[in-house]
Structures are given as structure tokens and as C-alpha cells.
């Protein structure tokens, strides 16, 4: 899929309340993980694999509290897909690698075409050496999900099934969609009986 870059490159390096890439813990973690790396590709891969493998997906581990600010995700060690994408973007930006946000609409139950469609969050990363944007999904692997770092063929957590009404949004945003921030910050804890219905169903900012 051809990605649509909607802002200037500097916007994908910016710090904000949610993507607090200047937070000392963010900077320290990024530098410690990448200190032996020679290229930005190596750095991006290591940071992606750290968030994918070492930061738990809240639903997989049944953490009740919601995390959304990048530094909080790092400190608490868990978050859902959106929160993990916030952390990965902050880590990358802290070492001057541009990173943005991408979204998919997915069926909650792929075996039930009448199940609700919800938003799923992942990242796009710019690699200057290759002059290339790639998408990365740090959601976290488990049975049936295998996302990897790849420069050639995307290997995301959830391949789109258009026959189910699923959709890849092509846009790369510099900030998380407002619907995502609202979802993560409006209550302190998840209601496990309603967890999927608490997620946004689509973008609130759709160019």
C-alpha cells in the first residue's frame, strides 16, 4: 500500500503531551537499547522489537488500568496497540528518527462478519538512508499473530481482509487520532465485559 504522508518531516519528530519523546526515561531507554547500533535501520529494528516483545499488550495480560502517554507506557510496562504505538514513536523520535501513526479498521471477530469494526493502531517510520517509510506493528506477537520488522514486504499483526469490510487507512499522522486519546483517557480502567466496545470504531480526523 502506498502511504500518504500528510505533514512535513519535522512534524514526525515533535514532542507533545502524549508523545513525550523528551522525557528523560524515554531518552535513556532509547540510547541504552541502541548504543551498539551503527545505522538508523538497526536502531529502528531494536526499538520496535523492544516495544513489541517487552511491553505487554494490556488485553493479553489483563492489566486493568489504561495507559496512553508514552512515558507512562514505558514505566508501567503495558498498553494496548495505540499506547504501544505512542511509546515506539517517542523512542524513535528521541533519537531523531521520524515516526508517525497509522490505523486500520478490523473486525473484532474475523469468523463473524457481523461483529463490530474497531480501530487498530500501528506506526510508520522514516528511514533516511533508504529514503523510505515503512509500517511497523508493535502490538505484540502471540498465537495467530506474527509481526516483524521488514524493509521489503510488510509483516503486520493483522493483514486486511477486505471481504470482511476491513480497511487500511493510508495516512501517516504526526499525532495520535483524537478518538484514540479520548478512548484511552476518559476512564482509568478497562471494563473487561465491554472492552472492544470501548475502542474507537474509526478515525475522527479522516483527511
C-alpha atoms as a PDB file:
ATOM      1  CA  UNK A   1       0.000   0.000   0.000  1.00  0.00           C
ATOM      2  CA  UNK A   2       1.230   3.496  -0.855  1.00  0.00           C
ATOM      3  CA  UNK A   3       1.437   5.572   2.307  1.00  0.00           C
ATOM      4  CA  UNK A   4       0.181   9.157   2.278  1.00  0.00           C
ATOM      5  CA  UNK A   5       2.490  11.490   4.215  1.00  0.00           C
ATOM      6  CA  UNK A   6       0.317  14.447   5.166  1.00  0.00           C
ATOM      7  CA  UNK A   7       2.788  16.665   7.061  1.00  0.00           C
ATOM      8  CA  UNK A   8       6.377  17.884   6.804  1.00  0.00           C
ATOM      9  CA  UNK A   9       9.105  15.595   8.124  1.00  0.00           C
ATOM     10  CA  UNK A  10       9.826  17.735  11.200  1.00  0.00           C
ATOM     11  CA  UNK A  11       6.283  17.137  12.437  1.00  0.00           C
ATOM     12  CA  UNK A  12       7.150  13.456  12.835  1.00  0.00           C
ATOM     13  CA  UNK A  13       9.940  14.377  15.262  1.00  0.00           C
ATOM     14  CA  UNK A  14       7.883  16.647  17.521  1.00  0.00           C
ATOM     15  CA  UNK A  15       7.249  16.153  21.221  1.00  0.00           C
ATOM     16  CA  UNK A  16       3.809  16.640  22.778  1.00  0.00           C
ATOM     17  CA  UNK A  17       1.912  15.676  25.929  1.00  0.00           C
ATOM     18  CA  UNK A  18       1.218  12.154  24.645  1.00  0.00           C
ATOM     19  CA  UNK A  19       4.393  11.541  22.625  1.00  0.00           C
ATOM     20  CA  UNK A  20       6.720  12.911  25.290  1.00  0.00           C
ATOM     21  CA  UNK A  21       9.924  11.981  23.495  1.00  0.00           C
ATOM     22  CA  UNK A  22      11.986  14.421  25.562  1.00  0.00           C
ATOM     23  CA  UNK A  23      11.104  12.649  28.810  1.00  0.00           C
ATOM     24  CA  UNK A  24      14.392  11.539  30.440  1.00  0.00           C
ATOM     25  CA  UNK A  25      13.271   7.919  30.810  1.00  0.00           C
ATOM     26  CA  UNK A  26      12.337   7.746  27.127  1.00  0.00           C
ATOM     27  CA  UNK A  27      15.660   9.186  26.027  1.00  0.00           C
ATOM     28  CA  UNK A  28      17.638   6.979  28.415  1.00  0.00           C
ATOM     29  CA  UNK A  29      15.895   3.792  27.268  1.00  0.00           C
ATOM     30  CA  UNK A  30      16.316   4.599  23.574  1.00  0.00           C
ATOM     31  CA  UNK A  31      20.004   5.371  23.971  1.00  0.00           C
ATOM     32  CA  UNK A  32      20.699   2.279  26.080  1.00  0.00           C
ATOM     33  CA  UNK A  33      18.974  -0.008  23.578  1.00  0.00           C
ATOM     34  CA  UNK A  34      20.711   1.451  20.523  1.00  0.00           C
ATOM     35  CA  UNK A  35      24.197   2.299  21.816  1.00  0.00           C
ATOM     36  CA  UNK A  36      25.820  -0.516  19.823  1.00  0.00           C
ATOM     37  CA  UNK A  37      23.911   0.216  16.607  1.00  0.00           C
ATOM     38  CA  UNK A  38      25.652   1.615  13.550  1.00  0.00           C
ATOM     39  CA  UNK A  39      22.647   2.610  11.418  1.00  0.00           C
ATOM     40  CA  UNK A  40      19.173   4.031  11.914  1.00  0.00           C
ATOM     41  CA  UNK A  41      17.780   0.792  10.471  1.00  0.00           C
ATOM     42  CA  UNK A  42      19.379  -1.199  13.289  1.00  0.00           C
ATOM     43  CA  UNK A  43      18.117   1.341  15.811  1.00  0.00           C
ATOM     44  CA  UNK A  44      14.572   1.252  14.474  1.00  0.00           C
ATOM     45  CA  UNK A  45      14.526  -2.547  14.474  1.00  0.00           C
ATOM     46  CA  UNK A  46      15.773  -2.822  18.069  1.00  0.00           C
ATOM     47  CA  UNK A  47      13.318  -0.233  19.374  1.00  0.00           C
ATOM     48  CA  UNK A  48      10.453  -1.904  17.517  1.00  0.00           C
ATOM     49  CA  UNK A  49      11.356  -5.319  18.912  1.00  0.00           C
ATOM     50  CA  UNK A  50      11.648  -3.898  22.434  1.00  0.00           C
ATOM     51  CA  UNK A  51       8.135  -2.439  22.339  1.00  0.00           C
ATOM     52  CA  UNK A  52       6.699  -5.488  20.588  1.00  0.00           C
ATOM     53  CA  UNK A  53       8.269  -8.049  22.924  1.00  0.00           C
ATOM     54  CA  UNK A  54       8.960  -6.335  26.250  1.00  0.00           C
ATOM     55  CA  UNK A  55       5.908  -4.103  26.645  1.00  0.00           C
ATOM     56  CA  UNK A  56       2.834  -6.239  27.288  1.00  0.00           C
ATOM     57  CA  UNK A  57      -0.449  -5.763  25.460  1.00  0.00           C
ATOM     58  CA  UNK A  58      -2.864  -4.867  28.251  1.00  0.00           C
ATOM     59  CA  UNK A  59      -5.617  -7.147  26.954  1.00  0.00           C
ATOM     60  CA  UNK A  60      -3.267 -10.142  26.700  1.00  0.00           C
ATOM     61  CA  UNK A  61      -2.092  -9.743  30.287  1.00  0.00           C
ATOM     62  CA  UNK A  62      -5.382  -8.366  31.680  1.00  0.00           C
ATOM     63  CA  UNK A  63      -3.997  -5.136  33.051  1.00  0.00           C
ATOM     64  CA  UNK A  64      -6.978  -3.068  34.112  1.00  0.00           C
ATOM     65  CA  UNK A  65      -5.514   0.438  34.048  1.00  0.00           C
ATOM     66  CA  UNK A  66      -5.343   2.361  30.796  1.00  0.00           C
ATOM     67  CA  UNK A  67      -2.026   3.809  29.652  1.00  0.00           C
ATOM     68  CA  UNK A  68      -1.674   6.309  26.833  1.00  0.00           C
ATOM     69  CA  UNK A  69       1.231   8.728  27.442  1.00  0.00           C
ATOM     70  CA  UNK A  70       4.465   7.246  26.047  1.00  0.00           C
ATOM     71  CA  UNK A  71       6.492   7.623  29.247  1.00  0.00           C
ATOM     72  CA  UNK A  72       3.703   6.026  31.316  1.00  0.00           C
ATOM     73  CA  UNK A  73       3.567   3.068  28.928  1.00  0.00           C
ATOM     74  CA  UNK A  74       7.315   2.608  29.392  1.00  0.00           C
ATOM     75  CA  UNK A  75       7.168   2.952  33.179  1.00  0.00           C
ATOM     76  CA  UNK A  76       4.148   0.681  33.644  1.00  0.00           C
ATOM     77  CA  UNK A  77       5.282  -1.804  31.009  1.00  0.00           C
ATOM     78  CA  UNK A  78       1.985  -2.311  29.228  1.00  0.00           C
ATOM     79  CA  UNK A  79      -0.567  -0.738  26.898  1.00  0.00           C
ATOM     80  CA  UNK A  80      -2.961  -1.641  24.113  1.00  0.00           C
ATOM     81  CA  UNK A  81      -1.988  -1.222  20.450  1.00  0.00           C
ATOM     82  CA  UNK A  82      -2.445   2.554  20.471  1.00  0.00           C
ATOM     83  CA  UNK A  83      -0.415   3.060  23.636  1.00  0.00           C
ATOM     84  CA  UNK A  84       2.389   0.845  22.354  1.00  0.00           C
ATOM     85  CA  UNK A  85       2.494   2.855  19.120  1.00  0.00           C
ATOM     86  CA  UNK A  86       2.820   6.034  21.204  1.00  0.00           C
ATOM     87  CA  UNK A  87       5.807   4.573  23.034  1.00  0.00           C
ATOM     88  CA  UNK A  88       7.527   3.367  19.865  1.00  0.00           C
ATOM     89  CA  UNK A  89       7.095   6.772  18.229  1.00  0.00           C
ATOM     90  CA  UNK A  90       8.524   8.525  21.292  1.00  0.00           C
ATOM     91  CA  UNK A  91      11.544   6.228  21.471  1.00  0.00           C
ATOM     92  CA  UNK A  92      12.289   6.720  17.784  1.00  0.00           C
ATOM     93  CA  UNK A  93      11.786  10.478  17.876  1.00  0.00           C
ATOM     94  CA  UNK A  94      14.036  10.785  20.914  1.00  0.00           C
ATOM     95  CA  UNK A  95      16.956   9.674  18.724  1.00  0.00           C
ATOM     96  CA  UNK A  96      15.884  11.737  15.701  1.00  0.00           C
ATOM     97  CA  UNK A  97      14.160   9.009  13.689  1.00  0.00           C
ATOM     98  CA  UNK A  98      10.856  10.339  12.296  1.00  0.00           C
ATOM     99  CA  UNK A  99       7.820   8.278  13.269  1.00  0.00           C
ATOM    100  CA  UNK A 100       4.078   8.643  12.790  1.00  0.00           C
ATOM    101  CA  UNK A 101       0.809   6.834  13.315  1.00  0.00           C
ATOM    102  CA  UNK A 102      -1.262   4.632  11.016  1.00  0.00           C
ATOM    103  CA  UNK A 103      -4.626   2.983  11.560  1.00  0.00           C
ATOM    104  CA  UNK A 104      -6.636   0.013  10.355  1.00  0.00           C
ATOM    105  CA  UNK A 105     -10.325  -0.881  10.763  1.00  0.00           C
ATOM    106  CA  UNK A 106     -10.632  -4.518  11.799  1.00  0.00           C
ATOM    107  CA  UNK A 107     -13.399  -6.963  12.685  1.00  0.00           C
ATOM    108  CA  UNK A 108     -13.377  -7.907  16.352  1.00  0.00           C
ATOM    109  CA  UNK A 109     -14.197 -11.468  15.304  1.00  0.00           C
ATOM    110  CA  UNK A 110     -12.944 -12.461  11.867  1.00  0.00           C
ATOM    111  CA  UNK A 111     -15.185 -15.531  11.985  1.00  0.00           C
ATOM    112  CA  UNK A 112     -18.256 -13.324  12.355  1.00  0.00           C
ATOM    113  CA  UNK A 113     -18.743 -10.799   9.538  1.00  0.00           C
ATOM    114  CA  UNK A 114     -21.438  -9.071  11.610  1.00  0.00           C
ATOM    115  CA  UNK A 115     -19.088  -8.325  14.531  1.00  0.00           C
ATOM    116  CA  UNK A 116     -18.173  -4.693  15.079  1.00  0.00           C
ATOM    117  CA  UNK A 117     -15.357  -2.911  13.270  1.00  0.00           C
ATOM    118  CA  UNK A 118     -12.809  -1.236  15.538  1.00  0.00           C
ATOM    119  CA  UNK A 119      -9.721   0.886  15.026  1.00  0.00           C
ATOM    120  CA  UNK A 120      -6.246  -0.625  15.383  1.00  0.00           C
ATOM    121  CA  UNK A 121      -3.102   1.470  15.747  1.00  0.00           C
ATOM    122  CA  UNK A 122       0.423   0.972  14.429  1.00  0.00           C
ATOM    123  CA  UNK A 123       3.399   3.073  13.321  1.00  0.00           C
ATOM    124  CA  UNK A 124       5.100   4.321  10.205  1.00  0.00           C
ATOM    125  CA  UNK A 125       8.829   5.047  10.441  1.00  0.00           C
ATOM    126  CA  UNK A 126      11.024   7.031   8.056  1.00  0.00           C
ATOM    127  CA  UNK A 127      14.470   5.606   7.353  1.00  0.00           C
ATOM    128  CA  UNK A 128      16.640   8.371   5.837  1.00  0.00           C
ATOM    129  CA  UNK A 129      19.322   6.033   4.461  1.00  0.00           C
ATOM    130  CA  UNK A 130      16.703   4.307   2.315  1.00  0.00           C
ATOM    131  CA  UNK A 131      14.528   7.404   1.854  1.00  0.00           C
ATOM    132  CA  UNK A 132      11.731   5.041   2.813  1.00  0.00           C
ATOM    133  CA  UNK A 133       8.681   4.941   5.055  1.00  0.00           C
ATOM    134  CA  UNK A 134       7.784   1.515   6.456  1.00  0.00           C
ATOM    135  CA  UNK A 135       4.908   0.433   8.665  1.00  0.00           C
ATOM    136  CA  UNK A 136       5.584  -1.465  11.879  1.00  0.00           C
ATOM    137  CA  UNK A 137       3.069  -3.066  14.225  1.00  0.00           C
ATOM    138  CA  UNK A 138       4.359  -3.421  17.784  1.00  0.00           C
ATOM    139  CA  UNK A 139       1.071  -4.817  19.102  1.00  0.00           C
ATOM    140  CA  UNK A 140       2.848  -7.941  20.353  1.00  0.00           C
ATOM    141  CA  UNK A 141       3.020 -11.439  18.925  1.00  0.00           C
ATOM    142  CA  UNK A 142       1.048 -14.427  20.166  1.00  0.00           C
ATOM    143  CA  UNK A 143      -0.677 -17.445  18.650  1.00  0.00           C
ATOM    144  CA  UNK A 144      -2.000 -16.382  15.253  1.00  0.00           C
ATOM    145  CA  UNK A 145      -0.161 -13.031  15.257  1.00  0.00           C
ATOM    146  CA  UNK A 146       3.362 -12.629  13.867  1.00  0.00           C
ATOM    147  CA  UNK A 147       4.529  -9.080  13.168  1.00  0.00           C
ATOM    148  CA  UNK A 148       8.123  -8.474  12.089  1.00  0.00           C
ATOM    149  CA  UNK A 149      10.475  -5.667  11.077  1.00  0.00           C
ATOM    150  CA  UNK A 150      10.813  -5.734   7.297  1.00  0.00           C
ATOM    151  CA  UNK A 151      12.119  -3.308   4.688  1.00  0.00           C
ATOM    152  CA  UNK A 152      10.611  -5.121   1.721  1.00  0.00           C
ATOM    153  CA  UNK A 153       7.398  -6.975   2.481  1.00  0.00           C
ATOM    154  CA  UNK A 154       5.201  -5.754   5.323  1.00  0.00           C
ATOM    155  CA  UNK A 155       4.553  -8.286   8.036  1.00  0.00           C
ATOM    156  CA  UNK A 156       1.901  -6.710  10.219  1.00  0.00           C
ATOM    157  CA  UNK A 157      -0.114  -8.201  13.051  1.00  0.00           C
ATOM    158  CA  UNK A 158      -3.399  -8.108  11.128  1.00  0.00           C
ATOM    159  CA  UNK A 159      -3.438  -8.479   7.331  1.00  0.00           C
ATOM    160  CA  UNK A 160      -6.522  -6.709   5.997  1.00  0.00           C
ATOM    161  CA  UNK A 161      -9.445  -8.845   4.804  1.00  0.00           C
ATOM    162  CA  UNK A 162     -11.428  -6.541   2.541  1.00  0.00           C
ATOM    163  CA  UNK A 163     -14.196  -9.104   2.136  1.00  0.00           C
ATOM    164  CA  UNK A 164     -14.979  -8.535   5.829  1.00  0.00           C
ATOM    165  CA  UNK A 165     -15.195  -4.782   5.359  1.00  0.00           C
ATOM    166  CA  UNK A 166     -11.770  -4.204   6.899  1.00  0.00           C
ATOM    167  CA  UNK A 167      -9.711  -1.238   5.754  1.00  0.00           C
ATOM    168  CA  UNK A 168      -6.162   0.112   5.740  1.00  0.00           C
ATOM    169  CA  UNK A 169      -6.086   3.879   6.199  1.00  0.00           C
ATOM    170  CA  UNK A 170      -3.129   5.057   4.063  1.00  0.00           C
ATOM    171  CA  UNK A 171      -2.396   8.225   6.031  1.00  0.00           C
ATOM    172  CA  UNK A 172       0.621   8.757   8.272  1.00  0.00           C
ATOM    173  CA  UNK A 173      -0.302  11.161  11.075  1.00  0.00           C
ATOM    174  CA  UNK A 174       2.169  13.045  13.239  1.00  0.00           C
ATOM    175  CA  UNK A 175      -0.178  12.905  16.240  1.00  0.00           C
ATOM    176  CA  UNK A 176      -2.498  10.174  17.515  1.00  0.00           C
ATOM    177  CA  UNK A 177      -6.085  10.477  16.328  1.00  0.00           C
ATOM    178  CA  UNK A 178      -8.299  12.342  18.838  1.00  0.00           C
ATOM    179  CA  UNK A 179     -10.655   9.348  19.059  1.00  0.00           C
ATOM    180  CA  UNK A 180      -7.748   7.276  20.376  1.00  0.00           C
ATOM    181  CA  UNK A 181      -6.773   9.781  23.058  1.00  0.00           C
ATOM    182  CA  UNK A 182     -10.400  10.117  24.126  1.00  0.00           C
ATOM    183  CA  UNK A 183     -10.746   6.338  24.368  1.00  0.00           C
ATOM    184  CA  UNK A 184      -7.627   5.898  26.471  1.00  0.00           C
ATOM    185  CA  UNK A 185      -8.022   8.882  28.770  1.00  0.00           C
ATOM    186  CA  UNK A 186     -11.746   9.095  29.514  1.00  0.00           C
ATOM    187  CA  UNK A 187     -11.649   6.395  32.210  1.00  0.00           C
ATOM    188  CA  UNK A 188      -8.915   4.974  34.406  1.00  0.00           C
ATOM    189  CA  UNK A 189      -9.684   1.262  33.943  1.00  0.00           C
ATOM    190  CA  UNK A 190     -10.978  -1.130  31.298  1.00  0.00           C
ATOM    191  CA  UNK A 191     -14.310  -2.911  31.678  1.00  0.00           C
ATOM    192  CA  UNK A 192     -13.416  -6.430  30.558  1.00  0.00           C
ATOM    193  CA  UNK A 193     -17.004  -7.281  29.635  1.00  0.00           C
ATOM    194  CA  UNK A 194     -17.156  -4.308  27.273  1.00  0.00           C
ATOM    195  CA  UNK A 195     -13.521  -3.876  26.280  1.00  0.00           C
ATOM    196  CA  UNK A 196     -13.965  -3.947  22.500  1.00  0.00           C
ATOM    197  CA  UNK A 197     -16.998  -1.657  22.555  1.00  0.00           C
ATOM    198  CA  UNK A 198     -14.859   0.879  24.435  1.00  0.00           C
ATOM    199  CA  UNK A 199     -12.458   1.171  21.470  1.00  0.00           C
ATOM    200  CA  UNK A 200     -12.910   3.762  18.694  1.00  0.00           C
ATOM    201  CA  UNK A 201     -14.647   2.490  15.571  1.00  0.00           C
ATOM    202  CA  UNK A 202     -12.928   4.818  13.093  1.00  0.00           C
ATOM    203  CA  UNK A 203     -10.822   7.942  12.755  1.00  0.00           C
ATOM    204  CA  UNK A 204     -12.250  11.235  13.930  1.00  0.00           C
ATOM    205  CA  UNK A 205      -9.747  13.039  11.668  1.00  0.00           C
ATOM    206  CA  UNK A 206     -10.020  11.466   8.217  1.00  0.00           C
ATOM    207  CA  UNK A 207      -8.303  13.621   5.545  1.00  0.00           C
END
